[in-house]
Amino acid sequence: QVQLVESGGGLVQPGGSLRLSCAASKTIFSISTMGWYRQAPGKQRELVATITIGGSTNYADSVKGRITISRDNAKNAVVLQMNSLTPEDTAVYYCNAQAPFKDFWGQGTQITVSS
């Protein structure tokens, strides 16, 4: 059973925009936080942005001001609006959902920022 469904990855030019979405199955109970992480080749997975069910957000310093995360609790969904993208944003992006004592991860979607 698919628990986190991701969409919105792809190729975009520097300065461009794209939108990632992630929908969590309602079979995942008591989600407290959802968000996005990314992993570039040769690097560790790192935080991009998270949002709690109550609406509190947390952003990596490198994306503040150009990325916005939002959520729809009724739909168990989170959206990441990404603007002013740079080649340094190139990575595999993973949706994450946090529930009591465990995390759920999406399969990952590739974002490539290149001319």
Protein backbone atom coordinates (compact mmCIF):
# COMPACT_ATOMS: atom_id res chain seq x y z
CA GLN A 1 0.00 0.00 0.00
CA VAL A 2 1.42 3.38 -1.05
CA GLN A 3 1.58 5.64 1.99
CA LEU A 4 3.18 8.83 0.62
CA VAL A 5 2.48 9.87 -2.97
CA GLU A 6 4.87 12.47 -4.41
CA SER A 7 4.56 14.51 -7.57
CA GLY A 8 6.07 17.57 -9.21
CA GLY A 9 9.71 16.73 -9.83
CA GLY A 10 11.53 17.33 -13.08
CA LEU A 11 13.91 19.59 -14.97
CA VAL A 12 13.77 23.35 -14.53
CA GLN A 13 16.00 26.24 -15.60
CA PRO A 14 17.86 28.39 -13.08
CA GLY A 15 15.55 31.06 -11.76
CA GLY A 16 12.53 28.95 -12.53
CA SER A 17 9.81 27.60 -10.30
CA LEU A 18 8.12 24.34 -9.60
CA ARG A 19 5.76 22.82 -7.10
CA LEU A 20 6.07 19.57 -5.21
CA SER A 21 3.14 17.87 -3.59
CA CYS A 22 2.85 14.96 -1.23
CA ALA A 23 -0.30 13.22 -0.10
CA ALA A 24 -0.28 10.87 2.87
CA SER A 25 -2.57 7.91 3.13
CA LYS A 26 -5.17 8.19 5.84
CA THR A 27 -3.92 4.85 7.05
CA ILE A 28 -1.05 6.81 8.62
CA PHE A 29 -2.37 7.90 11.97
CA SER A 30 -1.48 10.84 14.17
CA ILE A 31 0.86 12.67 11.80
CA SER A 32 2.45 15.57 13.64
CA THR A 33 4.73 16.99 10.95
CA MET A 34 5.10 16.70 7.19
CA GLY A 35 7.80 18.10 4.99
CA TRP A 36 10.49 17.68 2.40
CA TYR A 37 14.11 16.62 2.59
CA ARG A 38 16.66 16.33 -0.17
CA GLN A 39 19.83 14.43 -0.93
CA ALA A 40 22.40 15.44 -3.53
CA PRO A 41 25.06 13.02 -4.83
CA GLY A 42 27.80 12.51 -2.27
CA LYS A 43 25.93 14.39 0.43
CA GLN A 44 23.77 13.52 3.40
CA ARG A 45 20.04 13.96 3.35
CA GLU A 46 19.11 17.41 4.61
CA LEU A 47 16.05 19.36 5.64
CA VAL A 48 14.32 21.58 3.10
CA ALA A 49 11.15 22.55 4.93
CA THR A 50 8.64 21.11 7.36
CA ILE A 51 5.24 22.11 8.65
CA THR A 52 3.34 20.88 11.68
CA ILE A 53 -0.35 20.07 11.78
CA GLY A 54 -0.72 23.31 13.71
CA GLY A 55 0.94 25.29 10.92
CA SER A 56 4.39 25.98 12.35
CA THR A 57 7.05 25.99 9.63
CA ASN A 58 10.76 25.32 9.57
CA TYR A 59 13.01 26.12 6.61
CA ALA A 60 16.60 25.48 5.77
CA ASP A 61 18.58 28.72 5.67
CA SER A 62 19.46 28.11 2.04
CA VAL A 63 15.83 28.22 0.92
CA LYS A 64 14.30 30.87 3.16
CA GLY A 65 12.50 33.56 1.22
CA ARG A 66 12.10 31.55 -1.98
CA ILE A 67 10.37 28.38 -0.84
CA THR A 68 7.00 28.13 0.88
CA ILE A 69 5.50 25.06 2.45
CA SER A 70 1.79 24.71 3.10
CA ARG A 71 -0.54 21.97 4.20
CA ASP A 72 -4.09 20.75 3.98
CA ASN A 73 -4.79 18.71 7.08
CA ALA A 74 -8.12 17.45 5.81
CA LYS A 75 -6.38 15.96 2.78
CA ASN A 76 -3.24 14.84 4.62
CA ALA A 77 -1.27 16.75 2.01
CA VAL A 78 1.67 19.14 1.89
CA VAL A 79 2.78 21.42 -0.95
CA LEU A 80 6.21 22.92 -1.50
CA GLN A 81 6.27 25.97 -3.77
CA MET A 82 9.83 26.53 -5.00
CA ASN A 83 10.92 29.76 -6.70
CA SER A 84 14.23 31.21 -7.87
CA LEU A 85 15.76 27.77 -8.17
CA THR A 86 19.51 27.36 -8.54
CA PRO A 87 21.73 24.44 -9.58
CA GLU A 88 22.47 23.91 -5.89
CA ASP A 89 18.86 22.83 -5.47
CA THR A 90 19.49 19.80 -7.68
CA ALA A 91 18.80 16.69 -5.63
CA VAL A 92 16.40 13.87 -5.00
CA TYR A 93 13.58 15.24 -2.87
CA TYR A 94 11.84 13.02 -0.35
CA CYS A 95 8.51 13.60 1.31
CA ASN A 96 8.45 12.87 5.02
CA ALA A 97 5.66 12.32 7.50
CA GLN A 98 6.28 12.01 11.21
CA ALA A 99 4.04 9.92 13.41
CA PRO A 100 4.57 8.67 16.97
CA PHE A 101 7.85 6.77 17.18
CA LYS A 102 8.31 6.44 13.43
CA ASP A 103 8.83 8.32 10.18
CA PHE A 104 7.39 7.59 6.77
CA TRP A 105 9.28 8.41 3.57
CA GLY A 106 8.30 8.80 -0.03
CA GLN A 107 10.23 7.08 -2.80
CA GLY A 108 11.89 10.34 -3.86
CA THR A 109 11.50 12.58 -6.88
CA GLN A 110 14.40 14.03 -8.88
CA ILE A 111 14.71 17.78 -9.31
CA THR A 112 17.38 19.01 -11.71
CA VAL A 113 18.08 22.73 -12.07
CA SER A 114 20.15 23.31 -15.18
CA SER A 115 20.41 25.40 -18.32
